[in-house]
Structure formats: structure tokens, C-alpha cells
Amino acid sequence: MNKIDVYTSSTCPYCIKAKKLLSSLKLEYTEHNVDDDFDGMCEELSTTFGKQIQTVPQIIINGHYVGGYTDLEAMYKSGKLKEILN
């Protein structure tokens, strides 16, 4: 089973697109709404993945940092998404 975490905010159109893409692929994910602690999410993920994170969505699949919606879409279109899925 895949472990997919999607960090979102309630007003983000790219968050909606990311969730739609994952759902269309029949992939279950855990949504973490960060409206109440956006800065905490940025700090935690920046530390964990060694990247400066300042936007949502942030997508992690099976421990692999994917990035945002456009990164997810590019991985899907190129076939690289299959490589990190179980």
C-alpha cells in the first residue's frame, strides 16, 4: 500500500488539482490542511527534505519528496510516478 501525504490549504487551486489527479489514479492519500500552521509545515518539511518549502501543495509519496502539483503532473506524464508507487 502506498503512503501518500498531501499538505494543502483550503484556498489553493493547485491543491485541488493535485487531489483530483491522485483520485483519478485511484490513489488514496492523507490530506494535511495547514491553514492553521503553514509556517510550521514549511519549517518541518524544509528540515526533513533539505529544500526551501514555501508553498502548497506539498506531496510526499512513499517517503519520496515529489513537490507541488506541477511536479506531480510531470512525474505522471513522464511515467516516473509509477517508479515510486508500490
PDB file of N, CA and C in Angstrom:
ATOM      1  N   MET A   1       0.835  -1.189   0.000  1.00  0.00           N
ATOM      2  CA  MET A   1       0.000   0.000   0.000  1.00  0.00           C
ATOM      3  C   MET A   1       0.875   1.246   0.000  1.00  0.00           C
ATOM      4  N   ASN A   2       0.473   2.227  -0.750  1.00  0.00           N
ATOM      5  CA  ASN A   2       1.223   3.472  -0.844  1.00  0.00           C
ATOM      6  C   ASN A   2       0.905   4.386   0.321  1.00  0.00           C
ATOM      7  N   LYS A   3       1.905   5.140   0.750  1.00  0.00           N
ATOM      8  CA  LYS A   3       1.708   6.174   1.765  1.00  0.00           C
ATOM      9  C   LYS A   3       1.889   7.509   1.066  1.00  0.00           C
ATOM     10  N   ILE A   4       0.787   8.220   0.905  1.00  0.00           N
ATOM     11  CA  ILE A   4       0.811   9.494   0.193  1.00  0.00           C
ATOM     12  C   ILE A   4       0.291  10.570   1.128  1.00  0.00           C
ATOM     13  N   ASP A   5       1.112  11.589   1.351  1.00  0.00           N
ATOM     14  CA  ASP A   5       0.740  12.731   2.178  1.00  0.00           C
ATOM     15  C   ASP A   5       0.689  13.966   1.292  1.00  0.00           C
ATOM     16  N   VAL A   6      -0.423  14.707   1.412  1.00  0.00           N
ATOM     17  CA  VAL A   6      -0.604  15.925   0.638  1.00  0.00           C
ATOM     18  C   VAL A   6      -0.894  17.061   1.618  1.00  0.00           C
ATOM     19  N   TYR A   7       0.002  18.023   1.663  1.00  0.00           N
ATOM     20  CA  TYR A   7      -0.154  19.196   2.533  1.00  0.00           C
ATOM     21  C   TYR A   7      -0.847  20.279   1.715  1.00  0.00           C
ATOM     22  N   THR A   8      -1.985  20.758   2.227  1.00  0.00           N
ATOM     23  CA  THR A   8      -2.842  21.655   1.463  1.00  0.00           C
ATOM     24  C   THR A   8      -3.293  22.850   2.294  1.00  0.00           C
ATOM     25  N   SER A   9      -3.878  23.806   1.590  1.00  0.00           N
ATOM     26  CA  SER A   9      -4.644  24.871   2.248  1.00  0.00           C
ATOM     27  C   SER A   9      -6.019  24.892   1.584  1.00  0.00           C
ATOM     28  N   SER A  10      -6.984  25.465   2.259  1.00  0.00           N
ATOM     29  CA  SER A  10      -8.352  25.398   1.749  1.00  0.00           C
ATOM     30  C   SER A  10      -8.615  26.328   0.574  1.00  0.00           C
ATOM     31  N   THR A  11      -7.720  27.259   0.286  1.00  0.00           N
ATOM     32  CA  THR A  11      -7.954  28.214  -0.806  1.00  0.00           C
ATOM     33  C   THR A  11      -7.030  28.012  -2.009  1.00  0.00           C
ATOM     34  N   CYS A  12      -6.319  26.922  -2.041  1.00  0.00           N
ATOM     35  CA  CYS A  12      -5.297  26.699  -3.060  1.00  0.00           C
ATOM     36  C   CYS A  12      -5.837  25.904  -4.250  1.00  0.00           C
ATOM     37  N   PRO A  13      -5.891  26.513  -5.449  1.00  0.00           N
ATOM     38  CA  PRO A  13      -6.389  25.774  -6.618  1.00  0.00           C
ATOM     39  C   PRO A  13      -5.464  24.630  -7.045  1.00  0.00           C
ATOM     40  N   TYR A  14      -4.166  24.765  -6.821  1.00  0.00           N
ATOM     41  CA  TYR A  14      -3.250  23.679  -7.177  1.00  0.00           C
ATOM     42  C   TYR A  14      -3.405  22.488  -6.236  1.00  0.00           C
ATOM     43  N   CYS A  15      -3.823  22.749  -5.007  1.00  0.00           N
ATOM     44  CA  CYS A  15      -4.110  21.659  -4.069  1.00  0.00           C
ATOM     45  C   CYS A  15      -5.286  20.837  -4.589  1.00  0.00           C
ATOM     46  N   ILE A  16      -6.298  21.514  -5.076  1.00  0.00           N
ATOM     47  CA  ILE A  16      -7.477  20.836  -5.627  1.00  0.00           C
ATOM     48  C   ILE A  16      -7.072  20.003  -6.838  1.00  0.00           C
ATOM     49  N   LYS A  17      -6.239  20.554  -7.708  1.00  0.00           N
ATOM     50  CA  LYS A  17      -5.779  19.815  -8.888  1.00  0.00           C
ATOM     51  C   LYS A  17      -4.980  18.580  -8.495  1.00  0.00           C
ATOM     52  N   ALA A  18      -4.110  18.708  -7.498  1.00  0.00           N
ATOM     53  CA  ALA A  18      -3.293  17.571  -7.049  1.00  0.00           C
ATOM     54  C   ALA A  18      -4.188  16.463  -6.501  1.00  0.00           C
ATOM     55  N   LYS A  19      -5.164  16.830  -5.694  1.00  0.00           N
ATOM     56  CA  LYS A  19      -6.071  15.832  -5.123  1.00  0.00           C
ATOM     57  C   LYS A  19      -6.912  15.173  -6.217  1.00  0.00           C
ATOM     58  N   LYS A  20      -7.338  15.943  -7.209  1.00  0.00           N
ATOM     59  CA  LYS A  20      -8.108  15.378  -8.327  1.00  0.00           C
ATOM     60  C   LYS A  20      -7.276  14.385  -9.120  1.00  0.00           C
ATOM     61  N   LEU A  21      -6.007  14.733  -9.379  1.00  0.00           N
ATOM     62  CA  LEU A  21      -5.142  13.826 -10.132  1.00  0.00           C
ATOM     63  C   LEU A  21      -4.930  12.525  -9.365  1.00  0.00           C
ATOM     64  N   LEU A  22      -4.629  12.622  -8.087  1.00  0.00           N
ATOM     65  CA  LEU A  22      -4.425  11.416  -7.280  1.00  0.00           C
ATOM     66  C   LEU A  22      -5.696  10.574  -7.243  1.00  0.00           C
ATOM     67  N   SER A  23      -6.834  11.223  -7.070  1.00  0.00           N
ATOM     68  CA  SER A  23      -8.103  10.496  -7.034  1.00  0.00           C
ATOM     69  C   SER A  23      -8.408   9.834  -8.378  1.00  0.00           C
ATOM     70  N   SER A  24      -8.105  10.534  -9.480  1.00  0.00           N
ATOM     71  CA  SER A  24      -8.366   9.957 -10.802  1.00  0.00           C
ATOM     72  C   SER A  24      -7.499   8.727 -11.054  1.00  0.00           C
ATOM     73  N   LEU A  25      -6.353   8.663 -10.376  1.00  0.00           N
ATOM     74  CA  LEU A  25      -5.465   7.500 -10.488  1.00  0.00           C
ATOM     75  C   LEU A  25      -5.819   6.423  -9.461  1.00  0.00           C
ATOM     76  N   LYS A  26      -6.907   6.675  -8.705  1.00  0.00           N
ATOM     77  CA  LYS A  26      -7.377   5.766  -7.661  1.00  0.00           C
ATOM     78  C   LYS A  26      -6.324   5.545  -6.581  1.00  0.00           C
ATOM     79  N   LEU A  27      -5.605   6.608  -6.261  1.00  0.00           N
ATOM     80  CA  LEU A  27      -4.597   6.568  -5.207  1.00  0.00           C
ATOM     81  C   LEU A  27      -5.161   7.233  -3.954  1.00  0.00           C
ATOM     82  N   GLU A  28      -5.131   6.509  -2.851  1.00  0.00           N
ATOM     83  CA  GLU A  28      -5.582   7.068  -1.591  1.00  0.00           C
ATOM     84  C   GLU A  28      -4.459   7.918  -1.005  1.00  0.00           C
ATOM     85  N   TYR A  29      -4.841   9.002  -0.348  1.00  0.00           N
ATOM     86  CA  TYR A  29      -3.853   9.900   0.237  1.00  0.00           C
ATOM     87  C   TYR A  29      -4.393  10.455   1.545  1.00  0.00           C
ATOM     88  N   THR A  30      -3.471  10.943   2.357  1.00  0.00           N
ATOM     89  CA  THR A  30      -3.831  11.621   3.589  1.00  0.00           C
ATOM     90  C   THR A  30      -3.621  13.103   3.369  1.00  0.00           C
ATOM     91  N   GLU A  31      -4.680  13.872   3.573  1.00  0.00           N
ATOM     92  CA  GLU A  31      -4.601  15.325   3.402  1.00  0.00           C
ATOM     93  C   GLU A  31      -4.307  15.971   4.746  1.00  0.00           C
ATOM     94  N   HIS A  32      -3.326  16.870   4.735  1.00  0.00           N
ATOM     95  CA  HIS A  32      -2.967  17.638   5.920  1.00  0.00           C
ATOM     96  C   HIS A  32      -3.237  19.105   5.603  1.00  0.00           C
ATOM     97  N   ASN A  33      -4.332  19.636   6.117  1.00  0.00           N
ATOM     98  CA  ASN A  33      -4.644  21.047   5.892  1.00  0.00           C
ATOM     99  C   ASN A  33      -3.779  21.874   6.840  1.00  0.00           C
ATOM    100  N   VAL A  34      -3.011  22.797   6.274  1.00  0.00           N
ATOM    101  CA  VAL A  34      -2.048  23.572   7.066  1.00  0.00           C
ATOM    102  C   VAL A  34      -2.467  25.023   7.261  1.00  0.00           C
ATOM    103  N   ASP A  35      -3.753  25.298   7.058  1.00  0.00           N
ATOM    104  CA  ASP A  35      -4.229  26.670   7.237  1.00  0.00           C
ATOM    105  C   ASP A  35      -3.866  27.235   8.610  1.00  0.00           C
ATOM    106  N   ASP A  36      -3.917  26.402   9.637  1.00  0.00           N
ATOM    107  CA  ASP A  36      -3.655  26.878  10.993  1.00  0.00           C
ATOM    108  C   ASP A  36      -2.179  26.906  11.371  1.00  0.00           C
ATOM    109  N   ASP A  37      -1.323  26.234  10.602  1.00  0.00           N
ATOM    110  CA  ASP A  37       0.108  26.222  10.943  1.00  0.00           C
ATOM    111  C   ASP A  37       0.959  26.099   9.676  1.00  0.00           C
ATOM    112  N   PHE A  38       0.763  27.006   8.735  1.00  0.00           N
ATOM    113  CA  PHE A  38       1.511  26.992   7.475  1.00  0.00           C
ATOM    114  C   PHE A  38       3.015  27.103   7.721  1.00  0.00           C
ATOM    115  N   ASP A  39       3.415  28.029   8.594  1.00  0.00           N
ATOM    116  CA  ASP A  39       4.848  28.215   8.869  1.00  0.00           C
ATOM    117  C   ASP A  39       5.467  26.961   9.475  1.00  0.00           C
ATOM    118  N   GLY A  40       4.722  26.286  10.338  1.00  0.00           N
ATOM    119  CA  GLY A  40       5.221  25.043  10.937  1.00  0.00           C
ATOM    120  C   GLY A  40       5.447  23.973   9.898  1.00  0.00           C
ATOM    121  N   MET A  41       4.515  23.855   8.932  1.00  0.00           N
ATOM    122  CA  MET A  41       4.670  22.888   7.858  1.00  0.00           C
ATOM    123  C   MET A  41       5.896  23.212   7.022  1.00  0.00           C
ATOM    124  N   CYS A  42       6.058  24.493   6.688  1.00  0.00           N
ATOM    125  CA  CYS A  42       7.213  24.903   5.878  1.00  0.00           C
ATOM    126  C   CYS A  42       8.516  24.541   6.581  1.00  0.00           C
ATOM    127  N   GLU A  43       8.586  24.839   7.862  1.00  0.00           N
ATOM    128  CA  GLU A  43       9.805  24.551   8.621  1.00  0.00           C
ATOM    129  C   GLU A  43      10.056  23.054   8.732  1.00  0.00           C
ATOM    130  N   GLU A  44       9.025  22.289   9.054  1.00  0.00           N
ATOM    131  CA  GLU A  44       9.172  20.843   9.209  1.00  0.00           C
ATOM    132  C   GLU A  44       9.619  20.170   7.917  1.00  0.00           C
ATOM    133  N   LEU A  45       8.938  20.464   6.820  1.00  0.00           N
ATOM    134  CA  LEU A  45       9.286  19.826   5.553  1.00  0.00           C
ATOM    135  C   LEU A  45      10.621  20.321   5.013  1.00  0.00           C
ATOM    136  N   SER A  46      10.929  21.595   5.213  1.00  0.00           N
ATOM    137  CA  SER A  46      12.229  22.122   4.772  1.00  0.00           C
ATOM    138  C   SER A  46      13.359  21.394   5.479  1.00  0.00           C
ATOM    139  N   THR A  47      13.190  21.165   6.773  1.00  0.00           N
ATOM    140  CA  THR A  47      14.205  20.455   7.553  1.00  0.00           C
ATOM    141  C   THR A  47      14.295  18.995   7.115  1.00  0.00           C
ATOM    142  N   THR A  48      13.151  18.353   6.955  1.00  0.00           N
ATOM    143  CA  THR A  48      13.116  16.927   6.606  1.00  0.00           C
ATOM    144  C   THR A  48      13.728  16.649   5.242  1.00  0.00           C
ATOM    145  N   PHE A  49      13.412  17.487   4.256  1.00  0.00           N
ATOM    146  CA  PHE A  49      13.834  17.199   2.883  1.00  0.00           C
ATOM    147  C   PHE A  49      14.965  18.078   2.381  1.00  0.00           C
ATOM    148  N   GLY A  50      15.461  19.004   3.214  1.00  0.00           N
ATOM    149  CA  GLY A  50      16.598  19.830   2.833  1.00  0.00           C
ATOM    150  C   GLY A  50      16.318  20.762   1.670  1.00  0.00           C
ATOM    151  N   LYS A  51      15.073  21.188   1.547  1.00  0.00           N
ATOM    152  CA  LYS A  51      14.675  22.102   0.476  1.00  0.00           C
ATOM    153  C   LYS A  51      13.908  23.253   1.102  1.00  0.00           C
ATOM    154  N   GLN A  52      13.983  24.410   0.506  1.00  0.00           N
ATOM    155  CA  GLN A  52      13.214  25.561   0.976  1.00  0.00           C
ATOM    156  C   GLN A  52      11.778  25.407   0.513  1.00  0.00           C
ATOM    157  N   ILE A  53      10.871  25.216   1.434  1.00  0.00           N
ATOM    158  CA  ILE A  53       9.467  24.992   1.098  1.00  0.00           C
ATOM    159  C   ILE A  53       8.645  26.171   1.570  1.00  0.00           C
ATOM    160  N   GLN A  54       7.890  26.774   0.635  1.00  0.00           N
ATOM    161  CA  GLN A  54       7.115  27.966   0.959  1.00  0.00           C
ATOM    162  C   GLN A  54       5.730  27.969   0.331  1.00  0.00           C
ATOM    163  N   THR A  55       5.307  26.864  -0.265  1.00  0.00           N
ATOM    164  CA  THR A  55       4.024  26.826  -0.957  1.00  0.00           C
ATOM    165  C   THR A  55       3.289  25.516  -0.659  1.00  0.00           C
ATOM    166  N   VAL A  56       2.038  25.496  -1.023  1.00  0.00           N
ATOM    167  CA  VAL A  56       1.259  24.262  -1.034  1.00  0.00           C
ATOM    168  C   VAL A  56       0.719  24.086  -2.445  1.00  0.00           C
ATOM    169  N   PRO A  57       0.427  22.892  -2.872  1.00  0.00           N
ATOM    170  CA  PRO A  57       0.529  21.668  -2.101  1.00  0.00           C
ATOM    171  C   PRO A  57       1.975  21.178  -2.017  1.00  0.00           C
ATOM    172  N   GLN A  58       2.215  20.359  -1.027  1.00  0.00           N
ATOM    173  CA  GLN A  58       3.460  19.624  -0.920  1.00  0.00           C
ATOM    174  C   GLN A  58       3.076  18.155  -0.871  1.00  0.00           C
ATOM    175  N   ILE A  59       3.700  17.361  -1.723  1.00  0.00           N
ATOM    176  CA  ILE A  59       3.298  15.967  -1.895  1.00  0.00           C
ATOM    177  C   ILE A  59       4.490  15.055  -1.617  1.00  0.00           C
ATOM    178  N   ILE A  60       4.254  14.077  -0.745  1.00  0.00           N
ATOM    179  CA  ILE A  60       5.267  13.080  -0.423  1.00  0.00           C
ATOM    180  C   ILE A  60       4.648  11.714  -0.679  1.00  0.00           C
ATOM    181  N   ILE A  61       5.330  10.894  -1.473  1.00  0.00           N
ATOM    182  CA  ILE A  61       4.831   9.571  -1.804  1.00  0.00           C
ATOM    183  C   ILE A  61       5.872   8.538  -1.397  1.00  0.00           C
ATOM    184  N   ASN A  62       5.476   7.662  -0.484  1.00  0.00           N
ATOM    185  CA  ASN A  62       6.347   6.582  -0.004  1.00  0.00           C
ATOM    186  C   ASN A  62       7.726   7.103   0.407  1.00  0.00           C
ATOM    187  N   GLY A  63       7.724   8.241   1.103  1.00  0.00           N
ATOM    188  CA  GLY A  63       8.968   8.823   1.590  1.00  0.00           C
ATOM    189  C   GLY A  63       9.732   9.645   0.574  1.00  0.00           C
ATOM    190  N   HIS A  64       9.266   9.689  -0.659  1.00  0.00           N
ATOM    191  CA  HIS A  64       9.915  10.466  -1.715  1.00  0.00           C
ATOM    192  C   HIS A  64       9.249  11.841  -1.806  1.00  0.00           C
ATOM    193  N   TYR A  65      10.044  12.870  -1.723  1.00  0.00           N
ATOM    194  CA  TYR A  65       9.524  14.222  -1.869  1.00  0.00           C
ATOM    195  C   TYR A  65       9.233  14.468  -3.347  1.00  0.00           C
ATOM    196  N   VAL A  66       7.969  14.692  -3.681  1.00  0.00           N
ATOM    197  CA  VAL A  66       7.562  14.945  -5.062  1.00  0.00           C
ATOM    198  C   VAL A  66       7.626  16.434  -5.364  1.00  0.00           C
ATOM    199  N   GLY A  67       7.074  17.244  -4.472  1.00  0.00           N
ATOM    200  CA  GLY A  67       6.999  18.686  -4.683  1.00  0.00           C
ATOM    201  C   GLY A  67       5.551  19.106  -4.759  1.00  0.00           C
ATOM    202  N   GLY A  68       5.239  19.999  -5.685  1.00  0.00           N
ATOM    203  CA  GLY A  68       3.883  20.520  -5.833  1.00  0.00           C
ATOM    204  C   GLY A  68       3.116  19.845  -6.951  1.00  0.00           C
ATOM    205  N   TYR A  69       2.005  20.455  -7.309  1.00  0.00           N
ATOM    206  CA  TYR A  69       1.142  19.872  -8.332  1.00  0.00           C
ATOM    207  C   TYR A  69       1.851  19.713  -9.674  1.00  0.00           C
ATOM    208  N   THR A  70       2.553  20.742 -10.131  1.00  0.00           N
ATOM    209  CA  THR A  70       3.190  20.646 -11.448  1.00  0.00           C
ATOM    210  C   THR A  70       4.256  19.548 -11.461  1.00  0.00           C
ATOM    211  N   ASP A  71       4.915  19.341 -10.319  1.00  0.00           N
ATOM    212  CA  ASP A  71       5.897  18.250 -10.222  1.00  0.00           C
ATOM    213  C   ASP A  71       5.193  16.894 -10.303  1.00  0.00           C
ATOM    214  N   LEU A  72       4.067  16.769  -9.593  1.00  0.00           N
ATOM    215  CA  LEU A  72       3.282  15.535  -9.621  1.00  0.00           C
ATOM    216  C   LEU A  72       2.792  15.244 -11.034  1.00  0.00           C
ATOM    217  N   GLU A  73       2.261  16.255 -11.690  1.00  0.00           N
ATOM    218  CA  GLU A  73       1.750  16.087 -13.050  1.00  0.00           C
ATOM    219  C   GLU A  73       2.873  15.672 -14.007  1.00  0.00           C
ATOM    220  N   ALA A  74       4.038  16.306 -13.881  1.00  0.00           N
ATOM    221  CA  ALA A  74       5.169  15.959 -14.746  1.00  0.00           C
ATOM    222  C   ALA A  74       5.624  14.520 -14.506  1.00  0.00           C
ATOM    223  N   MET A  75       5.650  14.094 -13.237  1.00  0.00           N
ATOM    224  CA  MET A  75       6.033  12.711 -12.936  1.00  0.00           C
ATOM    225  C   MET A  75       5.026  11.732 -13.527  1.00  0.00           C
ATOM    226  N   TYR A  76       3.757  12.069 -13.458  1.00  0.00           N
ATOM    227  CA  TYR A  76       2.716  11.213 -14.018  1.00  0.00           C
ATOM    228  C   TYR A  76       2.872  11.105 -15.540  1.00  0.00           C
ATOM    229  N   LYS A  77       3.011  12.245 -16.203  1.00  0.00           N
ATOM    230  CA  LYS A  77       3.106  12.252 -17.664  1.00  0.00           C
ATOM    231  C   LYS A  77       4.360  11.554 -18.180  1.00  0.00           C
ATOM    232  N   SER A  78       5.449  11.628 -17.413  1.00  0.00           N
ATOM    233  CA  SER A  78       6.701  11.016 -17.845  1.00  0.00           C
ATOM    234  C   SER A  78       6.799   9.533 -17.474  1.00  0.00           C
ATOM    235  N   GLY A  79       5.865   9.059 -16.639  1.00  0.00           N
ATOM    236  CA  GLY A  79       5.907   7.663 -16.185  1.00  0.00           C
ATOM    237  C   GLY A  79       6.731   7.452 -14.938  1.00  0.00           C
ATOM    238  N   LYS A  80       7.383   8.496 -14.445  1.00  0.00           N
ATOM    239  CA  LYS A  80       8.229   8.357 -13.256  1.00  0.00           C
ATOM    240  C   LYS A  80       7.423   8.137 -11.974  1.00  0.00           C
ATOM    241  N   LEU A  81       6.157   8.530 -11.994  1.00  0.00           N
ATOM    242  CA  LEU A  81       5.325   8.340 -10.819  1.00  0.00           C
ATOM    243  C   LEU A  81       5.186   6.844 -10.496  1.00  0.00           C
ATOM    244  N   LYS A  82       5.059   6.023 -11.523  1.00  0.00           N
ATOM    245  CA  LYS A  82       4.932   4.569 -11.334  1.00  0.00           C
ATOM    246  C   LYS A  82       6.129   3.992 -10.589  1.00  0.00           C
ATOM    247  N   GLU A  83       7.308   4.602 -10.779  1.00  0.00           N
ATOM    248  CA  GLU A  83       8.526   4.097 -10.165  1.00  0.00           C
ATOM    249  C   GLU A  83       8.529   4.216  -8.646  1.00  0.00           C
ATOM    250  N   ILE A  84       7.799   5.182  -8.105  1.00  0.00           N
ATOM    251  CA  ILE A  84       7.805   5.345  -6.649  1.00  0.00           C
ATOM    252  C   ILE A  84       6.549   4.807  -5.982  1.00  0.00           C
ATOM    253  N   LEU A  85       5.620   4.281  -6.790  1.00  0.00           N
ATOM    254  CA  LEU A  85       4.416   3.681  -6.242  1.00  0.00           C
ATOM    255  C   LEU A  85       4.641   2.197  -5.993  1.00  0.00           C
ATOM    256  N   ASN A  86       3.989   1.677  -4.971  1.00  0.00           N
ATOM    257  CA  ASN A  86       4.071   0.238  -4.674  1.00  0.00           C
ATOM    258  C   ASN A  86       3.113  -0.538  -5.552  1.00  0.00           C
TER     259      ASN A  86
END
